């Protein structure tokens, strides 16, 4: 069983070392764990830092193309490298890499095609009350549209089996979380959520301008 942890990055030279350090290289039931960094046109030393801190594979775009394109490039490369499971995490060290075994376990046990890490947004200290309410509302709406229960639809900490990677399409440069959740529901993929931990906030999100 081969797991590739892919990390789309844009100017993450400061936070990437901690992100890479937290990723377990041994997981029960898994033969090999590798890290793939997709450098989405960074203007800093992201690619160099990735190689220096243990990334087995690095893809570098010549200019910023957006998260959706970085995700697609990571999926395509992971399939070509023979991955059975692809885990997606962020280069800003938001998600605790030590929870990757919990994320892949339902796939190893053949209970899920996609596993989404539930940050339990109500418990995240730096989320404002308004953001918590919006997270809840958004998750409920997307769960209804997809026909699956996903308590934290905005979470980018996810594991996909090979069938899911082959099934899901990423057509835009924007965020993939809602798109993939709805596609998964419509394609009748088995989707589960597991509680995961987060690290202290290192910087503001770059997904939105405001």
C-alpha atoms as a PDB file:
ATOM      1  CA  UNK A   1       0.000   0.000   0.000  1.00  0.00           C
ATOM      2  CA  UNK A   2       1.495   3.304  -1.155  1.00  0.00           C
ATOM      3  CA  UNK A   3       0.446   6.648   0.356  1.00  0.00           C
ATOM      4  CA  UNK A   4       1.439   9.991  -1.122  1.00  0.00           C
ATOM      5  CA  UNK A   5       0.899  13.123   0.967  1.00  0.00           C
ATOM      6  CA  UNK A   6       0.528  16.044  -1.420  1.00  0.00           C
ATOM      7  CA  UNK A   7       1.008  19.641  -0.300  1.00  0.00           C
ATOM      8  CA  UNK A   8      -0.020  22.498  -2.624  1.00  0.00           C
ATOM      9  CA  UNK A   9       2.123  25.491  -1.669  1.00  0.00           C
ATOM     10  CA  UNK A  10       2.386  29.190  -2.418  1.00  0.00           C
ATOM     11  CA  UNK A  11       5.274  30.954  -0.674  1.00  0.00           C
ATOM     12  CA  UNK A  12       5.434  28.592   2.301  1.00  0.00           C
ATOM     13  CA  UNK A  13       9.181  28.530   2.981  1.00  0.00           C
ATOM     14  CA  UNK A  14       8.624  29.565   6.624  1.00  0.00           C
ATOM     15  CA  UNK A  15       5.904  27.062   7.569  1.00  0.00           C
ATOM     16  CA  UNK A  16       6.758  24.147   5.273  1.00  0.00           C
ATOM     17  CA  UNK A  17       9.559  22.665   7.455  1.00  0.00           C
ATOM     18  CA  UNK A  18       7.154  22.176  10.385  1.00  0.00           C
ATOM     19  CA  UNK A  19       4.490  20.751   8.057  1.00  0.00           C
ATOM     20  CA  UNK A  20       6.930  18.211   6.635  1.00  0.00           C
ATOM     21  CA  UNK A  21       8.331  17.343  10.061  1.00  0.00           C
ATOM     22  CA  UNK A  22       4.866  16.359  11.340  1.00  0.00           C
ATOM     23  CA  UNK A  23       4.093  13.921   8.505  1.00  0.00           C
ATOM     24  CA  UNK A  24       4.565  10.313   9.692  1.00  0.00           C
ATOM     25  CA  UNK A  25       6.750   8.201   7.434  1.00  0.00           C
ATOM     26  CA  UNK A  26       5.415   4.935   8.872  1.00  0.00           C
ATOM     27  CA  UNK A  27       1.731   4.020   9.081  1.00  0.00           C
ATOM     28  CA  UNK A  28       0.312   0.632  10.080  1.00  0.00           C
ATOM     29  CA  UNK A  29      -0.927  -1.199   7.001  1.00  0.00           C
ATOM     30  CA  UNK A  30       1.055   1.044   4.635  1.00  0.00           C
ATOM     31  CA  UNK A  31       4.247  -0.049   2.874  1.00  0.00           C
ATOM     32  CA  UNK A  32       5.467   3.348   1.752  1.00  0.00           C
ATOM     33  CA  UNK A  33       4.746   7.005   2.577  1.00  0.00           C
ATOM     34  CA  UNK A  34       6.077   9.731   0.291  1.00  0.00           C
ATOM     35  CA  UNK A  35       5.603  13.491   0.174  1.00  0.00           C
ATOM     36  CA  UNK A  36       4.824  15.461  -2.976  1.00  0.00           C
ATOM     37  CA  UNK A  37       5.002  19.267  -2.891  1.00  0.00           C
ATOM     38  CA  UNK A  38       3.289  21.276  -5.624  1.00  0.00           C
ATOM     39  CA  UNK A  39       4.936  24.702  -5.773  1.00  0.00           C
ATOM     40  CA  UNK A  40       2.233  26.927  -7.271  1.00  0.00           C
ATOM     41  CA  UNK A  41       4.506  29.605  -8.707  1.00  0.00           C
ATOM     42  CA  UNK A  42       6.113  30.639  -5.420  1.00  0.00           C
ATOM     43  CA  UNK A  43       8.477  33.604  -5.418  1.00  0.00           C
ATOM     44  CA  UNK A  44      10.336  32.408  -2.320  1.00  0.00           C
ATOM     45  CA  UNK A  45      12.393  29.265  -1.594  1.00  0.00           C
ATOM     46  CA  UNK A  46       9.429  26.901  -1.207  1.00  0.00           C
ATOM     47  CA  UNK A  47      10.724  24.292  -3.681  1.00  0.00           C
ATOM     48  CA  UNK A  48      14.253  24.365  -2.263  1.00  0.00           C
ATOM     49  CA  UNK A  49      12.968  24.078   1.313  1.00  0.00           C
ATOM     50  CA  UNK A  50      10.699  21.174   0.318  1.00  0.00           C
ATOM     51  CA  UNK A  51      13.625  19.179  -1.066  1.00  0.00           C
ATOM     52  CA  UNK A  52      15.852  20.027   1.893  1.00  0.00           C
ATOM     53  CA  UNK A  53      13.239  18.821   4.391  1.00  0.00           C
ATOM     54  CA  UNK A  54      12.376  15.449   2.921  1.00  0.00           C
ATOM     55  CA  UNK A  55       9.889  15.900   0.069  1.00  0.00           C
ATOM     56  CA  UNK A  56      10.463  13.003  -2.325  1.00  0.00           C
ATOM     57  CA  UNK A  57       8.829  14.804  -5.252  1.00  0.00           C
ATOM     58  CA  UNK A  58       8.444  18.495  -6.133  1.00  0.00           C
ATOM     59  CA  UNK A  59       6.395  19.978  -8.984  1.00  0.00           C
ATOM     60  CA  UNK A  60       7.032  23.651  -9.719  1.00  0.00           C
ATOM     61  CA  UNK A  61       4.743  25.900 -11.771  1.00  0.00           C
ATOM     62  CA  UNK A  62       6.425  28.828 -13.527  1.00  0.00           C
ATOM     63  CA  UNK A  63       3.613  31.126 -12.351  1.00  0.00           C
ATOM     64  CA  UNK A  64       0.751  30.986  -9.877  1.00  0.00           C
ATOM     65  CA  UNK A  65      -2.133  28.973 -11.353  1.00  0.00           C
ATOM     66  CA  UNK A  66      -4.406  28.472  -8.347  1.00  0.00           C
ATOM     67  CA  UNK A  67      -5.233  25.736  -5.890  1.00  0.00           C
ATOM     68  CA  UNK A  68      -7.463  23.715  -8.202  1.00  0.00           C
ATOM     69  CA  UNK A  69      -4.723  23.366 -10.812  1.00  0.00           C
ATOM     70  CA  UNK A  70      -2.179  22.489  -8.121  1.00  0.00           C
ATOM     71  CA  UNK A  71      -4.523  19.793  -6.802  1.00  0.00           C
ATOM     72  CA  UNK A  72      -4.990  18.351 -10.287  1.00  0.00           C
ATOM     73  CA  UNK A  73      -1.239  18.281 -10.903  1.00  0.00           C
ATOM     74  CA  UNK A  74      -0.755  16.516  -7.573  1.00  0.00           C
ATOM     75  CA  UNK A  75      -3.434  13.946  -8.338  1.00  0.00           C
ATOM     76  CA  UNK A  76      -1.988  13.224 -11.783  1.00  0.00           C
ATOM     77  CA  UNK A  77       1.539  12.878 -10.423  1.00  0.00           C
ATOM     78  CA  UNK A  78       0.393  10.666  -7.538  1.00  0.00           C
ATOM     79  CA  UNK A  79      -1.412   8.320  -9.919  1.00  0.00           C
ATOM     80  CA  UNK A  80       1.658   8.143 -12.149  1.00  0.00           C
ATOM     81  CA  UNK A  81       3.798   7.317  -9.108  1.00  0.00           C
ATOM     82  CA  UNK A  82       1.478   4.422  -8.223  1.00  0.00           C
ATOM     83  CA  UNK A  83      -0.254   5.860  -5.160  1.00  0.00           C
ATOM     84  CA  UNK A  84      -3.093   3.818  -3.661  1.00  0.00           C
ATOM     85  CA  UNK A  85      -4.098   6.666  -1.322  1.00  0.00           C
ATOM     86  CA  UNK A  86      -3.530  10.401  -1.753  1.00  0.00           C
ATOM     87  CA  UNK A  87      -3.642  12.636   1.316  1.00  0.00           C
ATOM     88  CA  UNK A  88      -3.981  16.379   0.834  1.00  0.00           C
ATOM     89  CA  UNK A  89      -2.764  18.834   3.458  1.00  0.00           C
ATOM     90  CA  UNK A  90      -1.772  22.514   3.519  1.00  0.00           C
ATOM     91  CA  UNK A  91       1.712  23.982   3.553  1.00  0.00           C
ATOM     92  CA  UNK A  92       0.806  26.534   6.227  1.00  0.00           C
ATOM     93  CA  UNK A  93       0.921  23.826   8.919  1.00  0.00           C
ATOM     94  CA  UNK A  94      -2.742  24.355   9.793  1.00  0.00           C
ATOM     95  CA  UNK A  95      -3.430  20.622  10.067  1.00  0.00           C
ATOM     96  CA  UNK A  96      -1.636  18.299  12.478  1.00  0.00           C
ATOM     97  CA  UNK A  97       0.225  15.768  10.354  1.00  0.00           C
ATOM     98  CA  UNK A  98       0.185  13.232  13.168  1.00  0.00           C
ATOM     99  CA  UNK A  99      -3.496  12.638  12.378  1.00  0.00           C
ATOM    100  CA  UNK A 100      -2.768  11.275   8.888  1.00  0.00           C
ATOM    101  CA  UNK A 101      -3.001   7.633  10.123  1.00  0.00           C
ATOM    102  CA  UNK A 102      -6.536   8.352  11.400  1.00  0.00           C
ATOM    103  CA  UNK A 103      -7.383   9.905   8.058  1.00  0.00           C
ATOM    104  CA  UNK A 104      -6.286   6.914   5.971  1.00  0.00           C
ATOM    105  CA  UNK A 105      -7.570   4.203   8.334  1.00  0.00           C
ATOM    106  CA  UNK A 106     -11.168   4.093   6.972  1.00  0.00           C
ATOM    107  CA  UNK A 107      -9.774   3.710   3.442  1.00  0.00           C
ATOM    108  CA  UNK A 108      -7.441   0.901   4.502  1.00  0.00           C
ATOM    109  CA  UNK A 109     -10.438  -0.786   6.116  1.00  0.00           C
ATOM    110  CA  UNK A 110     -12.450  -0.321   2.890  1.00  0.00           C
ATOM    111  CA  UNK A 111     -15.107   1.743   4.676  1.00  0.00           C
ATOM    112  CA  UNK A 112     -14.556   4.928   2.667  1.00  0.00           C
ATOM    113  CA  UNK A 113     -13.390   6.293  -0.673  1.00  0.00           C
ATOM    114  CA  UNK A 114     -12.815   9.774   0.734  1.00  0.00           C
ATOM    115  CA  UNK A 115     -12.115  10.780   4.334  1.00  0.00           C
ATOM    116  CA  UNK A 116     -12.420  14.411   5.392  1.00  0.00           C
ATOM    117  CA  UNK A 117     -10.741  15.742   8.502  1.00  0.00           C
ATOM    118  CA  UNK A 118     -13.237  17.468  10.811  1.00  0.00           C
ATOM    119  CA  UNK A 119     -11.545  20.386  12.558  1.00  0.00           C
ATOM    120  CA  UNK A 120     -14.656  20.812  14.736  1.00  0.00           C
ATOM    121  CA  UNK A 121     -14.793  24.536  13.850  1.00  0.00           C
ATOM    122  CA  UNK A 122     -16.759  25.393  17.006  1.00  0.00           C
ATOM    123  CA  UNK A 123     -13.629  24.629  19.032  1.00  0.00           C
ATOM    124  CA  UNK A 124     -11.091  26.639  16.993  1.00  0.00           C
ATOM    125  CA  UNK A 125     -10.127  29.634  19.090  1.00  0.00           C
ATOM    126  CA  UNK A 126      -9.085  31.990  16.281  1.00  0.00           C
ATOM    127  CA  UNK A 127     -12.383  31.535  14.378  1.00  0.00           C
ATOM    128  CA  UNK A 128     -14.723  34.452  15.038  1.00  0.00           C
ATOM    129  CA  UNK A 129     -18.357  33.705  16.015  1.00  0.00           C
ATOM    130  CA  UNK A 130     -19.455  34.855  12.550  1.00  0.00           C
ATOM    131  CA  UNK A 131     -16.975  32.548  10.840  1.00  0.00           C
ATOM    132  CA  UNK A 132     -18.124  29.616  12.973  1.00  0.00           C
ATOM    133  CA  UNK A 133     -21.744  30.233  12.007  1.00  0.00           C
ATOM    134  CA  UNK A 134     -20.843  30.557   8.332  1.00  0.00           C
ATOM    135  CA  UNK A 135     -18.831  27.319   8.495  1.00  0.00           C
ATOM    136  CA  UNK A 136     -21.823  25.510   9.990  1.00  0.00           C
ATOM    137  CA  UNK A 137     -24.259  26.936   7.451  1.00  0.00           C
ATOM    138  CA  UNK A 138     -21.977  26.225   4.518  1.00  0.00           C
ATOM    139  CA  UNK A 139     -21.379  22.643   5.635  1.00  0.00           C
ATOM    140  CA  UNK A 140     -25.118  22.042   6.011  1.00  0.00           C
ATOM    141  CA  UNK A 141     -25.919  23.448   2.571  1.00  0.00           C
ATOM    142  CA  UNK A 142     -23.160  21.519   0.800  1.00  0.00           C
ATOM    143  CA  UNK A 143     -24.050  18.316   2.677  1.00  0.00           C
ATOM    144  CA  UNK A 144     -27.642  18.735   1.469  1.00  0.00           C
ATOM    145  CA  UNK A 145     -26.536  19.383  -2.124  1.00  0.00           C
ATOM    146  CA  UNK A 146     -24.145  16.415  -2.090  1.00  0.00           C
ATOM    147  CA  UNK A 147     -26.401  14.019  -0.202  1.00  0.00           C
ATOM    148  CA  UNK A 148     -23.626  13.190   2.262  1.00  0.00           C
ATOM    149  CA  UNK A 149     -23.011  14.390   5.828  1.00  0.00           C
ATOM    150  CA  UNK A 150     -19.832  16.478   6.046  1.00  0.00           C
ATOM    151  CA  UNK A 151     -19.580  18.564   9.244  1.00  0.00           C
ATOM    152  CA  UNK A 152     -16.509  20.530   8.055  1.00  0.00           C
ATOM    153  CA  UNK A 153     -16.815  20.901   4.293  1.00  0.00           C
ATOM    154  CA  UNK A 154     -14.109  23.593   4.113  1.00  0.00           C
ATOM    155  CA  UNK A 155     -11.442  21.260   5.493  1.00  0.00           C
ATOM    156  CA  UNK A 156      -8.620  20.642   3.041  1.00  0.00           C
ATOM    157  CA  UNK A 157      -7.179  17.804   5.123  1.00  0.00           C
ATOM    158  CA  UNK A 158      -8.474  14.826   3.150  1.00  0.00           C
ATOM    159  CA  UNK A 159      -7.580  11.325   2.036  1.00  0.00           C
ATOM    160  CA  UNK A 160      -8.674   9.842  -1.290  1.00  0.00           C
ATOM    161  CA  UNK A 161      -8.396   6.294  -2.571  1.00  0.00           C
ATOM    162  CA  UNK A 162      -7.299   5.693  -6.146  1.00  0.00           C
ATOM    163  CA  UNK A 163     -10.860   5.294  -7.433  1.00  0.00           C
ATOM    164  CA  UNK A 164     -11.847   8.655  -5.959  1.00  0.00           C
ATOM    165  CA  UNK A 165      -8.831  10.387  -7.508  1.00  0.00           C
ATOM    166  CA  UNK A 166      -9.742   8.928 -10.895  1.00  0.00           C
ATOM    167  CA  UNK A 167     -13.416   9.928 -10.507  1.00  0.00           C
ATOM    168  CA  UNK A 168     -13.144  13.507  -9.280  1.00  0.00           C
ATOM    169  CA  UNK A 169     -12.507  16.390 -11.657  1.00  0.00           C
ATOM    170  CA  UNK A 170     -10.891  19.712 -10.835  1.00  0.00           C
ATOM    171  CA  UNK A 171     -11.705  22.264 -13.523  1.00  0.00           C
ATOM    172  CA  UNK A 172     -10.804  25.608 -11.961  1.00  0.00           C
ATOM    173  CA  UNK A 173      -7.966  27.316 -10.166  1.00  0.00           C
ATOM    174  CA  UNK A 174     -10.094  27.941  -7.082  1.00  0.00           C
ATOM    175  CA  UNK A 175     -10.663  25.912  -3.915  1.00  0.00           C
ATOM    176  CA  UNK A 176     -11.526  22.222  -4.372  1.00  0.00           C
ATOM    177  CA  UNK A 177     -13.276  21.349  -1.119  1.00  0.00           C
ATOM    178  CA  UNK A 178     -16.894  22.106  -2.018  1.00  0.00           C
ATOM    179  CA  UNK A 179     -16.495  20.907  -5.600  1.00  0.00           C
ATOM    180  CA  UNK A 180     -15.087  17.536  -4.579  1.00  0.00           C
ATOM    181  CA  UNK A 181     -17.684  17.001  -1.859  1.00  0.00           C
ATOM    182  CA  UNK A 182     -20.576  17.556  -4.246  1.00  0.00           C
ATOM    183  CA  UNK A 183     -18.983  15.404  -6.953  1.00  0.00           C
ATOM    184  CA  UNK A 184     -18.360  12.634  -4.441  1.00  0.00           C
ATOM    185  CA  UNK A 185     -22.011  12.623  -3.414  1.00  0.00           C
ATOM    186  CA  UNK A 186     -23.274  12.649  -6.990  1.00  0.00           C
ATOM    187  CA  UNK A 187     -20.904   9.810  -7.934  1.00  0.00           C
ATOM    188  CA  UNK A 188     -22.029   7.790  -4.895  1.00  0.00           C
ATOM    189  CA  UNK A 189     -18.566   7.600  -3.390  1.00  0.00           C
ATOM    190  CA  UNK A 190     -18.371   6.619   0.278  1.00  0.00           C
ATOM    191  CA  UNK A 191     -17.465   9.735   2.277  1.00  0.00           C
ATOM    192  CA  UNK A 192     -16.595   9.731   5.975  1.00  0.00           C
ATOM    193  CA  UNK A 193     -15.401  12.417   8.375  1.00  0.00           C
ATOM    194  CA  UNK A 194     -13.001  11.898  11.264  1.00  0.00           C
ATOM    195  CA  UNK A 195     -12.065  14.392  13.995  1.00  0.00           C
ATOM    196  CA  UNK A 196      -8.616  15.878  13.546  1.00  0.00           C
ATOM    197  CA  UNK A 197      -6.434  18.350  15.403  1.00  0.00           C
ATOM    198  CA  UNK A 198      -5.115  21.692  14.171  1.00  0.00           C
ATOM    199  CA  UNK A 199      -1.975  23.648  14.931  1.00  0.00           C
ATOM    200  CA  UNK A 200      -1.901  27.279  16.118  1.00  0.00           C
ATOM    201  CA  UNK A 201      -2.599  29.747  13.323  1.00  0.00           C
ATOM    202  CA  UNK A 202       0.593  30.719  11.511  1.00  0.00           C
ATOM    203  CA  UNK A 203      -0.761  33.218   8.965  1.00  0.00           C
ATOM    204  CA  UNK A 204      -3.933  34.475   7.281  1.00  0.00           C
ATOM    205  CA  UNK A 205      -5.582  32.271   4.656  1.00  0.00           C
ATOM    206  CA  UNK A 206      -4.578  32.968   1.047  1.00  0.00           C
ATOM    207  CA  UNK A 207      -7.672  31.356  -0.480  1.00  0.00           C
ATOM    208  CA  UNK A 208      -9.707  34.562  -0.443  1.00  0.00           C
ATOM    209  CA  UNK A 209      -8.858  38.207  -0.905  1.00  0.00           C
ATOM    210  CA  UNK A 210     -11.196  39.266   1.908  1.00  0.00           C
END
